[in-house]
């Protein structure tokens, strides 16, 4: 008698070992980048490190980190990737009445993606920038990720970009709790309530 082995083919191919290792490596690098964010001393340094993570770990090239500055009246560019500096005009402060896609995402408190900014009436519509993903850093700013080709962001890219943004938000909150008073500034008694 012969035994017959029947194997059912899965509807989705299993993740290859190489794909799994590459994904795990990216997650580990993102985790390492997240830890460096927490060690930053200022919102500007946090934005710089978040931009570095978006470039180095996630592989995006056109990235700008903006910090909300009430005195300046908007979102001030504090970290700009080399490719963004090369392809785009000087980054300006985006204000509530300026009509920027960055401000819209910041004000809504939610990530917004655009397959082609030319279809969205963006301020940068006349530049090489086409695809854009803007992720708020809580109430502290935004990370804007772009590419020169339209429609490049997939479903998982918003989640990936959200990693550095969430880490940056936590780092800003941690920096605010541990920030030391400037020289000559009055020190309080340790009561965490102002």
N, C-alpha and C. Protein backbone atom coordinates (compact mmCIF):
# COMPACT_ATOMS: atom_id res chain seq x y z
N UNK A 1 0.83 -1.19 0.00
CA UNK A 1 0.00 0.00 0.00
C UNK A 1 0.87 1.25 0.00
N UNK A 2 0.40 2.27 -0.66
CA UNK A 2 1.12 3.54 -0.73
C UNK A 2 0.38 4.58 0.09
N UNK A 3 1.13 5.41 0.74
CA UNK A 3 0.55 6.54 1.47
C UNK A 3 0.61 7.75 0.55
N UNK A 4 -0.43 8.53 0.56
CA UNK A 4 -0.48 9.72 -0.27
C UNK A 4 -0.43 10.93 0.64
N UNK A 5 0.50 11.80 0.37
CA UNK A 5 0.65 13.02 1.15
C UNK A 5 0.01 14.15 0.35
N UNK A 6 -0.94 14.80 0.95
CA UNK A 6 -1.61 15.90 0.29
C UNK A 6 -1.25 17.18 1.04
N UNK A 7 -0.75 18.15 0.32
CA UNK A 7 -0.39 19.44 0.92
C UNK A 7 -1.31 20.50 0.34
N UNK A 8 -1.85 21.29 1.21
CA UNK A 8 -2.71 22.37 0.77
C UNK A 8 -1.85 23.61 0.55
N UNK A 9 -2.04 24.26 -0.57
CA UNK A 9 -1.27 25.45 -0.88
C UNK A 9 -1.92 26.66 -0.20
N UNK A 10 -1.16 27.42 0.56
CA UNK A 10 -1.75 28.59 1.22
C UNK A 10 -2.15 29.65 0.19
N UNK A 11 -3.15 30.44 0.54
CA UNK A 11 -3.63 31.46 -0.39
C UNK A 11 -2.59 32.58 -0.55
N UNK A 12 -1.80 32.85 0.45
CA UNK A 12 -0.73 33.84 0.38
C UNK A 12 0.59 33.11 0.57
N UNK A 13 1.59 33.43 -0.24
CA UNK A 13 2.87 32.76 -0.06
C UNK A 13 3.46 33.14 1.30
N UNK A 14 4.12 32.20 1.96
CA UNK A 14 4.72 32.53 3.25
C UNK A 14 5.85 33.53 3.05
N UNK A 15 6.08 34.35 4.06
CA UNK A 15 7.15 35.33 3.98
C UNK A 15 8.48 34.59 3.89
N UNK A 16 9.30 34.99 2.94
CA UNK A 16 10.59 34.33 2.79
C UNK A 16 11.45 34.64 4.00
N UNK A 17 12.41 33.77 4.23
CA UNK A 17 13.32 33.98 5.36
C UNK A 17 14.07 35.30 5.17
N UNK A 18 14.47 35.59 3.93
CA UNK A 18 15.19 36.84 3.65
C UNK A 18 14.30 38.04 3.95
N UNK A 19 13.04 38.00 3.53
CA UNK A 19 12.11 39.10 3.78
C UNK A 19 11.87 39.30 5.26
N UNK A 20 11.74 38.21 6.00
CA UNK A 20 11.52 38.29 7.44
C UNK A 20 12.74 38.89 8.13
N UNK A 21 13.94 38.47 7.74
CA UNK A 21 15.16 38.99 8.34
C UNK A 21 15.31 40.48 8.01
N UNK A 22 15.01 40.87 6.77
CA UNK A 22 15.11 42.28 6.39
C UNK A 22 14.13 43.11 7.19
N UNK A 23 12.90 42.62 7.37
CA UNK A 23 11.90 43.35 8.14
C UNK A 23 12.33 43.46 9.60
N UNK A 24 12.83 42.36 10.17
CA UNK A 24 13.28 42.37 11.56
C UNK A 24 14.47 43.33 11.74
N UNK A 25 15.36 43.37 10.76
CA UNK A 25 16.50 44.28 10.82
C UNK A 25 16.03 45.73 10.81
N UNK A 26 15.05 46.02 9.97
CA UNK A 26 14.51 47.39 9.91
C UNK A 26 13.86 47.77 11.23
N UNK A 27 13.13 46.84 11.82
CA UNK A 27 12.48 47.11 13.11
C UNK A 27 13.54 47.35 14.18
N UNK A 28 14.61 46.56 14.18
CA UNK A 28 15.69 46.76 15.17
C UNK A 28 16.37 48.11 14.97
N UNK A 29 16.62 48.49 13.72
CA UNK A 29 17.25 49.79 13.45
C UNK A 29 16.31 50.93 13.86
N UNK A 30 15.02 50.76 13.62
CA UNK A 30 14.05 51.78 14.02
C UNK A 30 14.01 51.90 15.54
N UNK A 31 14.09 50.76 16.22
CA UNK A 31 14.11 50.77 17.68
C UNK A 31 15.35 51.51 18.18
N UNK A 32 16.49 51.27 17.56
CA UNK A 32 17.72 51.97 17.94
C UNK A 32 17.61 53.47 17.69
N UNK A 33 17.03 53.84 16.56
CA UNK A 33 16.85 55.26 16.25
C UNK A 33 15.91 55.90 17.25
N UNK A 34 14.89 55.17 17.67
CA UNK A 34 13.94 55.67 18.66
C UNK A 34 14.65 55.97 19.97
N UNK A 35 15.57 55.10 20.37
CA UNK A 35 16.32 55.32 21.61
C UNK A 35 17.18 56.59 21.53
N UNK A 36 17.72 56.88 20.34
CA UNK A 36 18.54 58.10 20.22
C UNK A 36 17.67 59.35 20.33
N UNK A 37 16.42 59.26 19.92
CA UNK A 37 15.52 60.40 20.04
C UNK A 37 15.32 60.79 21.50
N UNK A 38 15.17 59.79 22.34
CA UNK A 38 14.90 60.05 23.75
C UNK A 38 16.09 60.73 24.42
N UNK A 39 17.30 60.55 23.89
CA UNK A 39 18.47 61.18 24.46
C UNK A 39 18.70 62.61 24.01
N UNK A 40 17.87 63.12 23.11
CA UNK A 40 18.05 64.48 22.60
C UNK A 40 17.63 65.50 23.65
N UNK A 41 18.27 66.68 23.60
CA UNK A 41 18.05 67.70 24.61
C UNK A 41 17.05 68.79 24.24
N UNK A 42 16.75 68.93 22.95
CA UNK A 42 15.85 70.01 22.53
C UNK A 42 14.90 69.51 21.45
N UNK A 43 13.84 70.25 21.23
CA UNK A 43 12.90 69.89 20.17
C UNK A 43 13.58 69.90 18.81
N UNK A 44 14.51 70.83 18.60
CA UNK A 44 15.22 70.91 17.34
C UNK A 44 16.10 69.69 17.12
N UNK A 45 16.79 69.25 18.17
CA UNK A 45 17.64 68.07 18.07
C UNK A 45 16.78 66.82 17.87
N UNK A 46 15.64 66.77 18.51
CA UNK A 46 14.71 65.65 18.32
C UNK A 46 14.25 65.61 16.86
N UNK A 47 13.91 66.76 16.29
CA UNK A 47 13.50 66.82 14.89
C UNK A 47 14.62 66.34 13.97
N UNK A 48 15.86 66.75 14.26
CA UNK A 48 17.01 66.32 13.46
C UNK A 48 17.15 64.80 13.49
N UNK A 49 17.03 64.22 14.67
CA UNK A 49 17.18 62.77 14.80
C UNK A 49 16.01 62.02 14.15
N UNK A 50 14.82 62.59 14.20
CA UNK A 50 13.66 61.96 13.56
C UNK A 50 13.84 61.98 12.04
N UNK A 51 14.37 63.07 11.50
CA UNK A 51 14.64 63.15 10.06
C UNK A 51 15.70 62.12 9.69
N UNK A 52 16.76 62.01 10.49
CA UNK A 52 17.80 61.01 10.23
C UNK A 52 17.21 59.60 10.22
N UNK A 53 16.30 59.31 11.15
CA UNK A 53 15.68 57.99 11.20
C UNK A 53 14.84 57.74 9.95
N UNK A 54 14.11 58.74 9.50
CA UNK A 54 13.28 58.59 8.30
C UNK A 54 14.15 58.31 7.07
N UNK A 55 15.35 58.90 7.04
CA UNK A 55 16.26 58.69 5.91
C UNK A 55 16.99 57.36 6.04
N UNK A 56 17.68 57.17 7.16
CA UNK A 56 18.57 56.02 7.33
C UNK A 56 17.85 54.70 7.52
N UNK A 57 16.80 54.71 8.31
CA UNK A 57 16.12 53.46 8.65
C UNK A 57 14.98 53.15 7.69
N UNK A 58 14.19 54.16 7.37
CA UNK A 58 13.01 53.92 6.55
C UNK A 58 13.28 54.10 5.06
N UNK A 59 14.39 54.75 4.71
CA UNK A 59 14.77 54.86 3.31
C UNK A 59 14.11 55.99 2.54
N UNK A 60 13.53 56.96 3.22
CA UNK A 60 12.93 58.10 2.54
C UNK A 60 14.03 59.12 2.26
N UNK A 61 13.85 59.95 1.24
CA UNK A 61 14.93 60.87 0.88
C UNK A 61 14.61 62.35 1.10
N UNK A 62 13.39 62.76 0.84
CA UNK A 62 13.02 64.17 0.99
C UNK A 62 12.25 64.29 2.29
N UNK A 63 12.91 64.78 3.34
CA UNK A 63 12.32 64.79 4.67
C UNK A 63 12.58 66.15 5.33
N UNK A 64 11.54 66.69 5.96
CA UNK A 64 11.67 67.92 6.73
C UNK A 64 10.99 67.75 8.07
N UNK A 65 11.70 68.09 9.13
CA UNK A 65 11.13 68.12 10.47
C UNK A 65 10.83 69.56 10.83
N UNK A 66 9.62 69.81 11.29
CA UNK A 66 9.18 71.16 11.65
C UNK A 66 8.78 71.18 13.12
N UNK A 67 9.12 72.28 13.78
CA UNK A 67 8.78 72.47 15.19
C UNK A 67 7.78 73.62 15.28
N UNK A 68 6.71 73.39 16.04
CA UNK A 68 5.73 74.46 16.23
C UNK A 68 6.33 75.51 17.15
N UNK A 69 6.35 76.75 16.66
CA UNK A 69 6.93 77.85 17.41
C UNK A 69 5.90 78.97 17.47
N UNK A 70 5.34 79.19 18.67
CA UNK A 70 4.30 80.22 18.83
C UNK A 70 4.81 81.60 18.50
N UNK A 71 6.06 81.91 18.87
CA UNK A 71 6.61 83.23 18.58
C UNK A 71 6.71 83.47 17.08
N UNK A 72 7.08 82.44 16.32
CA UNK A 72 7.19 82.56 14.87
C UNK A 72 5.82 82.44 14.21
N UNK A 73 4.84 81.97 14.95
CA UNK A 73 3.48 81.88 14.44
C UNK A 73 3.21 80.69 13.55
N UNK A 74 4.00 79.62 13.68
CA UNK A 74 3.74 78.46 12.84
C UNK A 74 4.73 77.34 13.01
N UNK A 75 4.85 76.55 11.94
CA UNK A 75 5.74 75.39 11.91
C UNK A 75 7.05 75.80 11.26
N UNK A 76 8.10 75.85 12.06
CA UNK A 76 9.41 76.31 11.61
C UNK A 76 10.25 75.10 11.19
N UNK A 77 10.85 75.14 10.00
CA UNK A 77 11.71 74.01 9.60
C UNK A 77 12.96 73.98 10.49
N UNK A 78 13.19 72.84 11.14
CA UNK A 78 14.35 72.75 12.02
C UNK A 78 15.31 71.66 11.60
N UNK A 79 14.89 70.76 10.70
CA UNK A 79 15.77 69.72 10.19
C UNK A 79 15.31 69.40 8.77
N UNK A 80 16.24 69.49 7.82
CA UNK A 80 15.92 69.28 6.41
C UNK A 80 16.95 68.32 5.82
N UNK A 81 16.47 67.27 5.15
CA UNK A 81 17.39 66.31 4.54
C UNK A 81 18.16 66.96 3.40
N UNK A 82 19.35 66.45 3.11
CA UNK A 82 20.14 67.01 2.00
C UNK A 82 19.39 67.01 0.67
N UNK A 83 18.64 65.95 0.38
CA UNK A 83 17.91 65.91 -0.88
C UNK A 83 16.78 66.94 -0.91
N UNK A 84 16.14 67.18 0.22
CA UNK A 84 15.11 68.22 0.28
C UNK A 84 15.74 69.58 0.03
N UNK A 85 16.92 69.82 0.61
CA UNK A 85 17.60 71.10 0.39
C UNK A 85 17.97 71.28 -1.07
N UNK A 86 18.32 70.18 -1.73
CA UNK A 86 18.73 70.23 -3.13
C UNK A 86 17.55 70.43 -4.08
N UNK A 87 16.44 69.75 -3.83
CA UNK A 87 15.31 69.75 -4.76
C UNK A 87 14.27 70.85 -4.52
N UNK A 88 14.21 71.35 -3.30
CA UNK A 88 13.15 72.29 -2.95
C UNK A 88 13.71 73.66 -2.62
N UNK A 89 12.90 74.69 -2.81
CA UNK A 89 13.37 76.02 -2.40
C UNK A 89 13.52 76.06 -0.88
N UNK A 90 14.16 77.09 -0.37
CA UNK A 90 14.35 77.22 1.08
C UNK A 90 13.05 76.99 1.82
N UNK A 91 13.13 76.21 2.86
CA UNK A 91 11.94 75.87 3.63
C UNK A 91 11.54 77.08 4.47
N UNK A 92 10.30 77.45 4.40
CA UNK A 92 9.79 78.61 5.14
C UNK A 92 8.90 78.15 6.29
N UNK A 93 8.55 79.07 7.16
CA UNK A 93 7.64 78.78 8.26
C UNK A 93 6.22 78.69 7.69
N UNK A 94 5.54 77.60 8.01
CA UNK A 94 4.15 77.42 7.58
C UNK A 94 3.24 77.92 8.69
N UNK A 95 2.32 78.79 8.34
CA UNK A 95 1.42 79.42 9.31
C UNK A 95 -0.01 78.93 9.11
N UNK A 96 -0.89 79.18 10.10
CA UNK A 96 -2.28 78.71 10.00
C UNK A 96 -3.01 79.22 8.76
N UNK A 97 -2.71 80.43 8.33
CA UNK A 97 -3.43 80.99 7.19
C UNK A 97 -2.69 80.83 5.87
N UNK A 98 -1.58 80.07 5.87
CA UNK A 98 -0.77 79.93 4.66
C UNK A 98 -1.23 78.85 3.70
N UNK A 99 -2.15 77.99 4.12
CA UNK A 99 -2.67 76.95 3.24
C UNK A 99 -1.74 75.77 3.01
N UNK A 100 -0.79 75.53 3.91
CA UNK A 100 0.13 74.41 3.70
C UNK A 100 -0.49 73.08 4.10
N UNK A 101 -0.08 72.03 3.40
CA UNK A 101 -0.53 70.68 3.73
C UNK A 101 0.03 70.27 5.10
N UNK A 102 1.23 70.74 5.42
CA UNK A 102 1.82 70.46 6.74
C UNK A 102 0.93 71.01 7.84
N UNK A 103 0.51 72.26 7.69
CA UNK A 103 -0.32 72.87 8.73
C UNK A 103 -1.64 72.12 8.85
N UNK A 104 -2.21 71.71 7.73
CA UNK A 104 -3.48 70.97 7.77
C UNK A 104 -3.37 69.69 8.58
N UNK A 105 -2.30 68.93 8.37
CA UNK A 105 -2.11 67.69 9.13
C UNK A 105 -1.85 67.99 10.60
N UNK A 106 -1.04 69.02 10.86
CA UNK A 106 -0.73 69.41 12.23
C UNK A 106 -1.99 69.82 12.97
N UNK A 107 -2.79 70.67 12.34
CA UNK A 107 -4.02 71.16 12.97
C UNK A 107 -5.03 70.04 13.20
N UNK A 108 -5.12 69.09 12.26
CA UNK A 108 -6.04 67.97 12.39
C UNK A 108 -5.53 66.93 13.40
N UNK A 109 -4.21 66.93 13.64
CA UNK A 109 -3.63 65.95 14.55
C UNK A 109 -3.61 64.56 13.99
N UNK A 110 -3.56 64.46 12.66
CA UNK A 110 -3.54 63.13 12.01
C UNK A 110 -2.66 63.15 10.79
N UNK A 111 -2.08 61.99 10.49
CA UNK A 111 -1.23 61.86 9.31
C UNK A 111 -2.08 62.05 8.05
N UNK A 112 -1.47 62.68 7.07
CA UNK A 112 -2.14 62.87 5.78
C UNK A 112 -1.16 62.54 4.66
N UNK A 113 -1.65 61.76 3.73
CA UNK A 113 -0.82 61.37 2.59
C UNK A 113 -1.41 61.89 1.28
N UNK A 114 -0.53 62.21 0.35
CA UNK A 114 -0.94 62.74 -0.94
C UNK A 114 -0.17 62.01 -2.04
N UNK A 115 -0.90 61.38 -2.95
CA UNK A 115 -0.26 60.69 -4.06
C UNK A 115 0.43 61.68 -4.99
N UNK A 116 -0.16 62.86 -5.15
CA UNK A 116 0.43 63.89 -5.99
C UNK A 116 0.00 65.25 -5.44
N UNK A 117 0.96 65.99 -4.90
CA UNK A 117 0.62 67.27 -4.28
C UNK A 117 0.09 68.28 -5.28
N UNK A 118 0.36 68.05 -6.56
CA UNK A 118 -0.16 68.98 -7.58
C UNK A 118 -1.68 68.92 -7.65
N UNK A 119 -2.24 67.76 -7.29
CA UNK A 119 -3.70 67.61 -7.27
C UNK A 119 -4.31 68.17 -5.99
N UNK A 120 -3.47 68.46 -5.00
CA UNK A 120 -3.96 68.94 -3.70
C UNK A 120 -3.79 70.45 -3.53
N UNK A 121 -3.30 71.12 -4.55
CA UNK A 121 -3.11 72.56 -4.45
C UNK A 121 -2.05 72.95 -3.44
N UNK A 122 -0.99 72.17 -3.36
CA UNK A 122 0.06 72.40 -2.37
C UNK A 122 0.90 73.62 -2.70
N UNK A 123 1.50 74.20 -1.66
CA UNK A 123 2.40 75.33 -1.84
C UNK A 123 3.62 74.96 -2.68
N UNK A 124 4.05 73.71 -2.59
CA UNK A 124 5.22 73.24 -3.34
C UNK A 124 4.85 72.57 -4.66
N UNK A 125 3.65 72.83 -5.17
CA UNK A 125 3.18 72.17 -6.39
C UNK A 125 4.05 72.45 -7.61
N UNK A 126 4.77 73.56 -7.60
CA UNK A 126 5.62 73.89 -8.75
C UNK A 126 7.06 73.42 -8.59
N UNK A 127 7.31 72.53 -7.62
CA UNK A 127 8.66 72.00 -7.39
C UNK A 127 8.72 70.55 -7.86
N UNK A 128 9.86 69.91 -7.64
CA UNK A 128 10.04 68.50 -8.02
C UNK A 128 9.28 67.55 -7.09
N UNK A 129 8.81 68.04 -5.96
CA UNK A 129 8.10 67.20 -4.99
C UNK A 129 6.75 66.77 -5.55
N UNK A 130 6.44 65.47 -5.44
CA UNK A 130 5.16 64.97 -5.92
C UNK A 130 4.39 64.24 -4.81
N UNK A 131 4.95 63.15 -4.29
CA UNK A 131 4.29 62.40 -3.21
C UNK A 131 4.64 63.04 -1.88
N UNK A 132 3.67 63.07 -0.96
CA UNK A 132 3.92 63.67 0.34
C UNK A 132 3.15 62.93 1.42
N UNK A 133 3.82 62.71 2.53
CA UNK A 133 3.21 62.13 3.72
C UNK A 133 3.60 63.02 4.89
N UNK A 134 2.61 63.60 5.57
CA UNK A 134 2.88 64.49 6.70
C UNK A 134 2.34 63.82 7.97
N UNK A 135 3.23 63.67 8.96
CA UNK A 135 2.87 63.02 10.22
C UNK A 135 3.10 64.01 11.36
N UNK A 136 2.06 64.34 12.12
CA UNK A 136 2.24 65.25 13.26
C UNK A 136 3.09 64.62 14.36
N UNK A 137 3.85 65.47 15.03
CA UNK A 137 4.59 65.07 16.25
C UNK A 137 3.78 65.66 17.40
N UNK A 138 2.65 65.06 17.67
CA UNK A 138 1.76 65.57 18.71
C UNK A 138 1.43 67.02 18.46
N UNK A 139 1.59 67.85 19.49
CA UNK A 139 1.35 69.29 19.37
C UNK A 139 2.65 70.06 19.18
N UNK A 140 3.72 69.33 18.85
CA UNK A 140 5.04 69.95 18.80
C UNK A 140 5.58 70.19 17.40
N UNK A 141 4.96 69.62 16.35
CA UNK A 141 5.48 69.83 15.01
C UNK A 141 5.03 68.74 14.05
N UNK A 142 5.79 68.61 12.96
CA UNK A 142 5.47 67.59 11.95
C UNK A 142 6.76 67.01 11.37
N UNK A 143 6.63 65.82 10.81
CA UNK A 143 7.64 65.24 9.95
C UNK A 143 6.97 65.10 8.59
N UNK A 144 7.55 65.72 7.58
CA UNK A 144 7.03 65.64 6.21
C UNK A 144 8.00 64.82 5.39
N UNK A 145 7.47 63.79 4.75
CA UNK A 145 8.28 62.88 3.93
C UNK A 145 7.75 62.96 2.52
N UNK A 146 8.64 63.18 1.58
CA UNK A 146 8.21 63.31 0.20
C UNK A 146 9.10 62.56 -0.75
N UNK A 147 8.63 62.43 -1.96
CA UNK A 147 9.41 61.83 -3.04
C UNK A 147 9.10 62.57 -4.33
N UNK A 148 10.01 62.50 -5.29
CA UNK A 148 9.86 63.22 -6.55
C UNK A 148 8.92 62.52 -7.52
N UNK A 149 8.53 61.29 -7.23
CA UNK A 149 7.60 60.56 -8.08
C UNK A 149 6.23 60.52 -7.43
N UNK A 150 5.16 60.57 -8.23
CA UNK A 150 3.81 60.48 -7.64
C UNK A 150 3.47 59.06 -7.22
N UNK A 151 2.61 58.95 -6.21
CA UNK A 151 2.05 57.66 -5.79
C UNK A 151 3.03 56.65 -5.25
N UNK A 152 4.09 57.07 -4.57
CA UNK A 152 5.10 56.12 -4.11
C UNK A 152 4.80 55.51 -2.75
N UNK A 153 3.93 56.12 -1.97
CA UNK A 153 3.70 55.60 -0.63
C UNK A 153 2.64 54.52 -0.64
N UNK A 154 2.95 53.41 0.06
CA UNK A 154 2.02 52.31 0.19
C UNK A 154 1.29 52.36 1.52
N UNK A 155 0.47 51.35 1.74
CA UNK A 155 -0.33 51.30 2.96
C UNK A 155 0.50 51.31 4.23
N UNK A 156 1.64 50.64 4.23
CA UNK A 156 2.45 50.53 5.44
C UNK A 156 3.34 51.72 5.71
N UNK A 157 3.50 52.61 4.72
CA UNK A 157 4.42 53.73 4.90
C UNK A 157 3.95 54.70 5.98
N UNK A 158 2.66 54.90 6.10
CA UNK A 158 2.16 55.80 7.15
C UNK A 158 2.49 55.24 8.52
N UNK A 159 2.33 53.93 8.67
CA UNK A 159 2.68 53.30 9.95
C UNK A 159 4.17 53.42 10.23
N UNK A 160 5.01 53.18 9.19
CA UNK A 160 6.45 53.29 9.36
C UNK A 160 6.85 54.72 9.74
N UNK A 161 6.30 55.70 9.05
CA UNK A 161 6.62 57.10 9.34
C UNK A 161 6.10 57.50 10.70
N UNK A 162 5.03 56.87 11.14
CA UNK A 162 4.48 57.17 12.46
C UNK A 162 5.41 56.77 13.59
N UNK A 163 6.31 55.79 13.34
CA UNK A 163 7.24 55.35 14.37
C UNK A 163 8.15 56.48 14.85
N UNK A 164 8.90 57.12 13.95
CA UNK A 164 9.74 58.24 14.40
C UNK A 164 8.92 59.40 14.96
N UNK A 165 7.73 59.63 14.41
CA UNK A 165 6.90 60.74 14.91
C UNK A 165 6.44 60.47 16.34
N UNK A 166 6.00 59.26 16.60
CA UNK A 166 5.56 58.89 17.95
C UNK A 166 6.74 58.95 18.93
N UNK A 167 7.89 58.44 18.48
CA UNK A 167 9.08 58.49 19.33
C UNK A 167 9.50 59.93 19.59
N UNK A 168 9.40 60.78 18.56
CA UNK A 168 9.76 62.19 18.73
C UNK A 168 8.82 62.86 19.73
N UNK A 169 7.54 62.54 19.64
CA UNK A 169 6.58 63.12 20.58
C UNK A 169 6.92 62.71 22.02
N UNK A 170 7.22 61.44 22.22
CA UNK A 170 7.58 60.96 23.56
C UNK A 170 8.88 61.62 24.03
N UNK A 171 9.83 61.80 23.09
CA UNK A 171 11.10 62.41 23.46
C UNK A 171 10.92 63.87 23.85
N UNK A 172 10.04 64.60 23.14
CA UNK A 172 9.77 66.00 23.49
C UNK A 172 9.16 66.07 24.89
N UNK A 173 8.23 65.17 25.16
CA UNK A 173 7.61 65.16 26.49
C UNK A 173 8.64 64.83 27.57
N UNK A 174 9.51 63.87 27.29
CA UNK A 174 10.54 63.50 28.26
C UNK A 174 11.53 64.64 28.46
N UNK A 175 11.91 65.31 27.37
CA UNK A 175 12.84 66.44 27.48
C UNK A 175 12.21 67.56 28.30
N UNK A 176 10.93 67.77 28.15
CA UNK A 176 10.24 68.80 28.92
C UNK A 176 10.22 68.50 30.40
N UNK A 177 10.15 67.20 30.75
CA UNK A 177 10.13 66.82 32.16
C UNK A 177 11.51 66.88 32.79
N UNK A 178 12.55 66.67 31.98
CA UNK A 178 13.90 66.60 32.55
C UNK A 178 14.72 67.84 32.28
N UNK A 179 14.18 68.80 31.57
CA UNK A 179 14.93 70.01 31.24
C UNK A 179 15.33 70.74 32.51
N UNK A 180 16.57 71.12 32.57
CA UNK A 180 17.09 71.83 33.74
C UNK A 180 16.87 73.33 33.56
N UNK A 181 16.65 74.05 34.64
CA UNK A 181 16.51 75.50 34.53
C UNK A 181 17.80 76.13 34.04
N UNK A 182 17.68 77.20 33.28
CA UNK A 182 18.86 77.92 32.80
C UNK A 182 19.58 78.55 33.99
N UNK A 183 20.84 78.86 33.79
CA UNK A 183 21.63 79.48 34.86
C UNK A 183 20.94 80.76 35.31
N UNK A 184 20.78 80.91 36.60
CA UNK A 184 20.14 82.09 37.15
C UNK A 184 18.63 82.00 37.23
N UNK A 185 18.06 80.98 36.63
CA UNK A 185 16.60 80.82 36.69
C UNK A 185 16.21 80.27 38.06
N UNK A 186 15.07 80.69 38.57
CA UNK A 186 14.66 80.17 39.89
C UNK A 186 14.38 78.68 39.83
N UNK A 187 14.75 77.99 40.85
CA UNK A 187 14.49 76.55 40.93
C UNK A 187 13.29 76.33 41.84
N UNK A 188 12.49 75.37 41.50
CA UNK A 188 11.32 75.09 42.36
C UNK A 188 11.66 73.97 43.32
N UNK A 189 10.78 73.71 44.24
CA UNK A 189 11.05 72.80 45.34
C UNK A 189 10.93 71.32 44.97
N UNK A 190 10.73 71.02 43.69
CA UNK A 190 10.56 69.63 43.30
C UNK A 190 9.12 69.28 43.06
N UNK A 191 8.20 70.17 43.37
CA UNK A 191 6.80 69.93 43.10
C UNK A 191 6.61 69.97 41.59
N UNK A 192 6.11 68.88 40.97
CA UNK A 192 6.00 68.85 39.52
C UNK A 192 4.91 69.76 38.97
N UNK A 193 4.08 70.29 39.81
CA UNK A 193 3.00 71.16 39.34
C UNK A 193 3.48 72.61 39.36
N UNK A 194 3.25 73.35 38.27
CA UNK A 194 3.71 74.75 38.24
C UNK A 194 2.88 75.63 39.13
